[in-house]
């Protein structure tokens, strides 16, 4: 009995040893050598270095694209404002032509034919016929001016559309490059600060592009203090359409010439009127208010709007809309040209009061 138990114990022991040996064989494997580890590390370093080099190339490309978009956005902004100015000029020409025709053909009690029939003799008839012919020549000249203004608007509209299409293409390219750059940044290490700056610049370019593609123009809070020591951002900001900005820029150039400080001063007076209950409450109504701004009736404003105001006038208009005001004329509502000899506050070539 004891021998049987001893043989069973030995058998169980043998089985346990076999299982243990088998299990040990499945867990044991050879560790990588130092040489293999060095090779893998070297390969990883090379991959990382190549990736960083690729990222540098893409970053420079992205930077150039962002600069192009920024420049193109400014061109679109200028083209958009010039288009608004041209439309204002066209509108003014059309209005003048209608008033002329209405006055000449509807103002009297007799038709032109009746005028001819009322002639006393042949000499009188010929004189009246020549008078009527002169009227027709003038009307044809007015119509030609209107047609030319219409063609200028169409040309500027086509140019603006082409620039915006180019801008849209650049946007797609920038978006793709941004996506590639983001992927590379997320899969590599180092230089994150530099690439974040690149992305920030790209986003700023996109924002400028979106602004340029809208019909609204945001006021610029930059008052260009280097050229206007008397200005400060002390006024209220106003949102404006491209037409309002173009009109404001045009009247600023007409009334202040090339003086940026003078433009801010004139702009301060105009915005003071817009914000006052004593005057109309829109830029257009203030500028065209009867008997106020001589360029609106002597043809000067139409000439400036026809060619597009200068860049500094657009900048001054947007600065005024952004809240820039000239401190010396902060409470003024009127101004005269300085050569008139009126007393007041002198800024540029105008005297304010």
Protein backbone atom coordinates (compact mmCIF):
# COMPACT_ATOMS: atom_id res chain seq x y z
CA UNK A 1 0.00 0.00 0.00
CA UNK A 2 2.82 2.33 0.92
CA UNK A 3 4.69 1.43 -2.30
CA UNK A 4 1.67 2.28 -4.41
CA UNK A 5 1.38 5.75 -2.77
CA UNK A 6 5.10 6.34 -3.32
CA UNK A 7 4.83 5.47 -7.03
CA UNK A 8 1.80 7.83 -7.43
CA UNK A 9 3.64 10.69 -5.73
CA UNK A 10 6.63 10.25 -8.01
CA UNK A 11 4.36 10.27 -11.07
CA UNK A 12 2.65 13.51 -10.01
CA UNK A 13 6.02 15.10 -9.31
CA UNK A 14 7.24 14.15 -12.75
CA UNK A 15 4.19 15.67 -14.43
CA UNK A 16 4.61 18.96 -12.50
CA UNK A 17 8.25 19.19 -13.52
CA UNK A 18 7.38 18.63 -17.16
CA UNK A 19 4.71 21.35 -17.07
CA UNK A 20 7.11 23.75 -15.35
CA UNK A 21 9.84 23.12 -17.94
CA UNK A 22 7.39 23.58 -20.81
CA UNK A 23 6.06 26.86 -19.36
CA UNK A 24 9.56 28.18 -18.81
CA UNK A 25 10.50 27.46 -22.43
CA UNK A 26 7.58 29.58 -23.75
CA UNK A 27 8.53 32.73 -21.71
CA UNK A 28 12.22 32.79 -22.40
CA UNK A 29 13.47 34.82 -25.46
CA UNK A 30 16.69 36.53 -26.45
CA UNK A 31 17.06 40.25 -25.50
CA UNK A 32 18.03 42.70 -28.34
CA UNK A 33 21.69 43.46 -28.55
CA UNK A 34 23.20 46.87 -27.88
CA UNK A 35 24.12 47.14 -31.55
CA UNK A 36 20.48 46.61 -32.61
CA UNK A 37 19.28 49.24 -30.14
CA UNK A 38 21.83 51.75 -31.42
CA UNK A 39 20.69 51.16 -34.99
CA UNK A 40 17.02 51.68 -34.12
CA UNK A 41 17.84 54.87 -32.19
CA UNK A 42 19.90 56.18 -35.10
CA UNK A 43 17.06 55.48 -37.54
CA UNK A 44 14.57 57.27 -35.31
CA UNK A 45 16.86 60.32 -35.08
CA UNK A 46 17.23 60.43 -38.86
CA UNK A 47 13.46 60.18 -39.31
CA UNK A 48 12.91 63.00 -36.84
CA UNK A 49 15.56 65.15 -38.51
CA UNK A 50 14.02 64.59 -41.97
CA UNK A 51 10.59 65.44 -40.60
CA UNK A 52 11.86 68.68 -39.07
CA UNK A 53 13.56 69.62 -42.35
CA UNK A 54 10.33 68.98 -44.24
CA UNK A 55 8.50 71.10 -41.70
CA UNK A 56 10.96 73.97 -42.18
CA UNK A 57 10.39 73.91 -45.93
CA UNK A 58 6.62 73.83 -45.51
CA UNK A 59 6.78 76.59 -42.92
CA UNK A 60 8.62 78.91 -45.31
CA UNK A 61 6.14 78.09 -48.04
CA UNK A 62 3.26 78.81 -45.69
CA UNK A 63 4.86 82.10 -44.69
CA UNK A 64 5.11 83.18 -48.35
CA UNK A 65 1.53 82.17 -49.02
CA UNK A 66 0.35 84.12 -45.97
CA UNK A 67 2.21 87.21 -47.20
CA UNK A 68 0.63 86.85 -50.64
CA UNK A 69 -2.84 86.52 -49.12
CA UNK A 70 -2.25 89.57 -46.94
CA UNK A 71 -1.20 91.65 -49.97
CA UNK A 72 -4.03 90.31 -52.10
CA UNK A 73 -6.55 91.04 -49.32
CA UNK A 74 -5.39 94.67 -49.28
CA UNK A 75 -5.71 94.83 -53.06
CA UNK A 76 -9.24 93.42 -52.88
CA UNK A 77 -10.10 95.91 -50.12
CA UNK A 78 -8.83 98.80 -52.29
CA UNK A 79 -10.61 97.48 -55.40
CA UNK A 80 -13.82 97.06 -53.43
CA UNK A 81 -13.68 100.65 -52.17
CA UNK A 82 -12.77 101.98 -55.63
CA UNK A 83 -15.77 100.13 -57.03
CA UNK A 84 -18.04 101.74 -54.44
CA UNK A 85 -16.57 105.15 -55.33
CA UNK A 86 -17.16 104.55 -59.05
CA UNK A 87 -20.77 103.56 -58.38
CA UNK A 88 -21.30 106.74 -56.39
CA UNK A 89 -19.91 108.73 -59.32
CA UNK A 90 -22.14 106.85 -61.74
CA UNK A 91 -25.15 107.50 -59.53
CA UNK A 92 -24.35 111.21 -59.40
CA UNK A 93 -23.88 111.42 -63.19
CA UNK A 94 -27.17 109.62 -63.79
CA UNK A 95 -29.03 111.87 -61.37
CA UNK A 96 -27.62 115.00 -63.03
CA UNK A 97 -28.59 113.72 -66.46
CA UNK A 98 -32.16 112.95 -65.37
CA UNK A 99 -32.58 116.36 -63.75
CA UNK A 100 -31.20 118.05 -66.88
CA UNK A 101 -33.57 116.20 -69.21
CA UNK A 102 -36.52 116.74 -66.91
CA UNK A 103 -35.80 120.47 -66.72
CA UNK A 104 -35.27 120.93 -70.43
CA UNK A 105 -38.17 118.82 -71.71
CA UNK A 106 -40.75 119.03 -68.94
CA UNK A 107 -40.08 122.43 -67.43
CA UNK A 108 -41.78 124.53 -70.07
CA UNK A 109 -45.35 124.76 -71.22
CA UNK A 110 -44.54 124.25 -74.90
CA UNK A 111 -42.89 121.32 -76.64
CA UNK A 112 -39.81 121.86 -78.79
CA UNK A 113 -41.95 121.36 -81.88
CA UNK A 114 -44.31 124.09 -80.72
CA UNK A 115 -41.30 126.38 -80.22
CA UNK A 116 -40.38 125.92 -83.88
CA UNK A 117 -43.95 126.55 -85.02
CA UNK A 118 -44.08 129.79 -83.06
CA UNK A 119 -41.31 131.32 -85.21
CA UNK A 120 -42.15 134.68 -86.72
CA UNK A 121 -39.96 134.31 -89.78
CA UNK A 122 -37.31 132.12 -91.34
CA UNK A 123 -34.46 133.76 -89.42
CA UNK A 124 -36.31 133.23 -86.15
CA UNK A 125 -37.01 129.62 -87.16
CA UNK A 126 -33.33 128.94 -87.87
CA UNK A 127 -32.25 130.52 -84.56
CA UNK A 128 -34.69 128.36 -82.61
CA UNK A 129 -33.65 125.25 -84.53
CA UNK A 130 -30.01 125.94 -83.65
CA UNK A 131 -31.01 126.40 -79.98
CA UNK A 132 -32.81 123.04 -79.98
CA UNK A 133 -29.83 121.38 -81.69
CA UNK A 134 -27.50 122.74 -78.96
CA UNK A 135 -29.79 121.28 -76.30
CA UNK A 136 -29.68 117.88 -78.01
CA UNK A 137 -25.88 118.01 -78.31
CA UNK A 138 -25.57 118.74 -74.61
CA UNK A 139 -27.92 115.88 -73.73
CA UNK A 140 -25.93 113.49 -75.91
CA UNK A 141 -22.74 114.62 -74.16
CA UNK A 142 -24.34 113.98 -70.76
CA UNK A 143 -25.45 110.53 -71.93
CA UNK A 144 -21.92 109.74 -73.14
CA UNK A 145 -20.50 110.71 -69.73
CA UNK A 146 -23.00 108.45 -68.03
CA UNK A 147 -22.13 105.57 -70.39
CA UNK A 148 -18.41 106.05 -69.66
CA UNK A 149 -19.10 106.00 -65.92
CA UNK A 150 -21.09 102.78 -66.41
CA UNK A 151 -18.17 101.18 -68.30
CA UNK A 152 -15.75 102.17 -65.53
CA UNK A 153 -17.98 100.48 -62.97
CA UNK A 154 -18.22 97.32 -65.10
CA UNK A 155 -14.42 97.24 -65.53
CA UNK A 156 -13.83 97.62 -61.79
CA UNK A 157 -16.47 95.00 -61.02
CA UNK A 158 -14.74 92.54 -63.36
CA UNK A 159 -11.35 93.30 -61.80
CA UNK A 160 -12.72 92.83 -58.30
CA UNK A 161 -14.30 89.49 -59.26
CA UNK A 162 -11.00 88.28 -60.71
CA UNK A 163 -9.07 89.30 -57.59
CA UNK A 164 -11.62 87.58 -55.34
CA UNK A 165 -11.39 84.38 -57.41
CA UNK A 166 -7.61 84.48 -57.07
CA UNK A 167 -8.02 85.05 -53.37
CA UNK A 168 -10.33 82.04 -53.10
CA UNK A 169 -7.75 79.85 -54.88
CA UNK A 170 -5.05 81.04 -52.50
CA UNK A 171 -7.36 80.25 -49.59
CA UNK A 172 -7.67 76.61 -50.72
CA UNK A 173 -3.90 76.36 -51.05
CA UNK A 174 -3.38 77.89 -47.63
CA UNK A 175 -5.91 75.55 -46.03
CA UNK A 176 -4.14 72.51 -47.48
CA UNK A 177 -0.75 73.76 -46.34
CA UNK A 178 -2.10 74.52 -42.89
CA UNK A 179 -3.49 71.00 -42.64
CA UNK A 180 -0.16 69.49 -43.67
CA UNK A 181 1.70 71.67 -41.21
CA UNK A 182 -0.68 70.73 -38.39
CA UNK A 183 -0.16 67.03 -39.14
CA UNK A 184 3.60 67.39 -39.11
CA UNK A 185 3.57 69.42 -35.90
CA UNK A 186 1.43 66.81 -34.17
CA UNK A 187 3.83 64.01 -35.20
CA UNK A 188 7.18 65.54 -34.36
CA UNK A 189 8.86 67.36 -31.50
CA UNK A 190 10.67 70.67 -31.12
CA UNK A 191 10.22 74.05 -32.78
CA UNK A 192 6.57 74.18 -31.75
CA UNK A 193 6.79 77.87 -30.89
CA UNK A 194 8.05 78.82 -34.36
CA UNK A 195 5.38 76.82 -36.12
CA UNK A 196 2.66 78.18 -33.86
CA UNK A 197 3.67 81.66 -35.01
CA UNK A 198 3.38 80.51 -38.60
CA UNK A 199 -0.13 79.19 -37.95
CA UNK A 200 -1.09 82.45 -36.20
CA UNK A 201 0.06 84.46 -39.19
CA UNK A 202 -1.84 82.17 -41.53
CA UNK A 203 -5.03 82.60 -39.48
CA UNK A 204 -4.55 86.38 -39.53
CA UNK A 205 -4.21 86.25 -43.31
CA UNK A 206 -7.40 84.21 -43.55
CA UNK A 207 -9.24 86.72 -41.36
CA UNK A 208 -8.02 89.58 -43.56
CA UNK A 209 -9.21 87.62 -46.57
CA UNK A 210 -12.67 87.06 -45.07
CA UNK A 211 -12.93 90.77 -44.31
CA UNK A 212 -11.94 91.64 -47.86
CA UNK A 213 -14.64 89.36 -49.28
CA UNK A 214 -17.42 90.97 -47.23
CA UNK A 215 -19.35 94.09 -48.23
CA UNK A 216 -18.74 95.70 -44.84
CA UNK A 217 -15.55 97.49 -43.86
CA UNK A 218 -14.52 97.50 -40.24
CA UNK A 219 -13.22 100.68 -38.68
CA UNK A 220 -9.46 100.70 -38.15
CA UNK A 221 -8.54 101.69 -34.60
CA UNK A 222 -5.02 102.60 -35.74
CA UNK A 223 -4.91 106.39 -35.86
CA UNK A 224 -1.44 106.50 -37.44
CA UNK A 225 -0.10 108.71 -34.66
CA UNK A 226 3.18 109.19 -36.51
CA UNK A 227 1.33 111.33 -39.04
CA UNK A 228 -1.35 112.76 -36.77
CA UNK A 229 0.02 113.82 -33.41
CA UNK A 230 -3.28 115.45 -32.43
CA UNK A 231 -5.40 112.32 -32.92
CA UNK A 232 -6.59 109.82 -30.36
CA UNK A 233 -9.07 106.95 -30.27
CA UNK A 234 -11.57 108.92 -28.21
CA UNK A 235 -14.64 108.58 -30.41
CA UNK A 236 -17.33 106.02 -31.01
CA UNK A 237 -16.78 103.23 -33.52
CA UNK A 238 -19.14 103.03 -36.50
CA UNK A 239 -19.76 100.11 -38.84
CA UNK A 240 -20.01 101.20 -42.46
CA UNK A 241 -20.59 99.82 -45.94
CA UNK A 242 -17.98 100.09 -48.66
CA UNK A 243 -19.98 102.97 -50.18
CA UNK A 244 -19.86 104.92 -46.93
CA UNK A 245 -16.10 104.38 -46.60
CA UNK A 246 -15.51 105.41 -50.22
CA UNK A 247 -17.69 108.51 -49.86
CA UNK A 248 -16.04 109.51 -46.58
CA UNK A 249 -12.56 108.98 -48.06
CA UNK A 250 -13.49 111.04 -51.11
CA UNK A 251 -14.75 114.05 -49.15
CA UNK A 252 -11.74 113.87 -46.79
CA UNK A 253 -9.34 114.02 -49.74
CA UNK A 254 -11.29 116.88 -51.33
CA UNK A 255 -11.41 118.96 -48.14
CA UNK A 256 -7.98 118.18 -46.64
CA UNK A 257 -5.76 117.34 -49.61
CA UNK A 258 -2.87 115.01 -48.74
CA UNK A 259 -2.61 116.01 -45.06
CA UNK A 260 -3.49 112.94 -42.98
CA UNK A 261 -3.91 115.10 -39.86
CA UNK A 262 -6.18 117.40 -41.83
CA UNK A 263 -8.25 114.41 -42.98
CA UNK A 264 -8.69 113.23 -39.38
CA UNK A 265 -9.78 116.75 -38.39
CA UNK A 266 -12.37 116.96 -41.21
CA UNK A 267 -13.49 113.42 -40.39
CA UNK A 268 -13.95 114.46 -36.75
CA UNK A 269 -16.31 117.25 -37.81
CA UNK A 270 -18.30 114.90 -40.05
CA UNK A 271 -18.68 112.26 -37.30
CA UNK A 272 -19.58 115.00 -34.78
CA UNK A 273 -22.43 115.92 -37.11
CA UNK A 274 -23.51 112.31 -37.59
CA UNK A 275 -23.70 111.89 -33.81
CA UNK A 276 -25.48 115.22 -33.25
CA UNK A 277 -29.27 115.65 -33.27
CA UNK A 278 -28.82 118.97 -35.13
CA UNK A 279 -27.60 117.23 -38.29
CA UNK A 280 -28.57 114.14 -40.31
CA UNK A 281 -27.59 110.86 -38.69
CA UNK A 282 -25.79 109.15 -41.58
CA UNK A 283 -22.49 109.84 -43.35
CA UNK A 284 -24.15 110.08 -46.77
CA UNK A 285 -26.81 112.56 -45.58
CA UNK A 286 -24.24 114.69 -43.75
CA UNK A 287 -21.89 114.87 -46.75
CA UNK A 288 -24.67 115.66 -49.24
CA UNK A 289 -26.58 118.05 -46.96
CA UNK A 290 -27.48 121.10 -49.00
CA UNK A 291 -24.99 123.96 -48.91
CA UNK A 292 -22.44 122.26 -46.63
CA UNK A 293 -19.57 120.67 -48.57
CA UNK A 294 -18.69 122.47 -51.82
CA UNK A 295 -16.98 119.43 -53.48
CA UNK A 296 -20.43 117.81 -53.69
CA UNK A 297 -21.66 120.46 -56.13
CA UNK A 298 -18.53 121.79 -57.87
CA UNK A 299 -17.55 118.43 -59.38
CA UNK A 300 -14.46 117.82 -57.21
CA UNK A 301 -15.98 114.90 -55.30
CA UNK A 302 -17.17 113.20 -58.49
CA UNK A 303 -13.66 113.43 -59.97
CA UNK A 304 -12.10 111.84 -56.87
CA UNK A 305 -14.75 109.11 -56.71
CA UNK A 306 -14.31 108.44 -60.42
CA UNK A 307 -10.59 107.61 -60.09
CA UNK A 308 -10.81 106.27 -56.52
CA UNK A 309 -9.58 108.16 -53.41
CA UNK A 310 -5.92 107.83 -52.41
CA UNK A 311 -4.80 105.14 -49.96
CA UNK A 312 -4.20 107.62 -47.14
CA UNK A 313 -7.77 108.89 -47.52
CA UNK A 314 -9.11 105.35 -47.19
CA UNK A 315 -6.88 104.85 -44.12
CA UNK A 316 -8.11 108.09 -42.55
CA UNK A 317 -11.74 107.20 -43.26
CA UNK A 318 -11.39 103.79 -41.62
CA UNK A 319 -9.51 105.32 -38.68
CA UNK A 320 -12.32 107.83 -38.11
CA UNK A 321 -14.91 105.04 -38.33
CA UNK A 322 -12.79 103.12 -35.80
CA UNK A 323 -13.04 105.99 -33.30
CA UNK A 324 -10.06 108.20 -34.19
CA UNK A 325 -10.76 111.89 -33.49
CA UNK A 326 -8.58 115.00 -33.66
CA UNK A 327 -8.23 116.37 -30.13
CA UNK A 328 -8.08 120.03 -31.18
CA UNK A 329 -11.39 119.93 -33.04
CA UNK A 330 -13.16 117.35 -30.87
CA UNK A 331 -16.11 119.73 -30.29
CA UNK A 332 -16.17 121.49 -33.68
CA UNK A 333 -18.97 121.22 -36.23
CA UNK A 334 -17.82 123.62 -38.96
CA UNK A 335 -14.67 124.62 -40.85
CA UNK A 336 -13.50 127.06 -43.49
CA UNK A 337 -10.53 127.01 -45.83
CA UNK A 338 -7.64 128.83 -44.13
CA UNK A 339 -7.25 131.34 -47.00
CA UNK A 340 -10.70 132.81 -46.18
CA UNK A 341 -9.16 134.51 -43.13
CA UNK A 342 -11.75 133.27 -40.60
CA UNK A 343 -10.72 132.88 -36.99
CA UNK A 344 -10.65 129.44 -35.38
CA UNK A 345 -8.49 126.38 -34.80
CA UNK A 346 -5.98 125.81 -37.59
CA UNK A 347 -5.36 122.21 -38.68
CA UNK A 348 -3.87 121.54 -42.10
CA UNK A 349 -5.33 123.99 -44.59
CA UNK A 350 -8.61 124.53 -42.72
CA UNK A 351 -9.87 126.63 -39.80
CA UNK A 352 -12.29 124.81 -37.48
CA UNK A 353 -14.91 126.26 -35.17
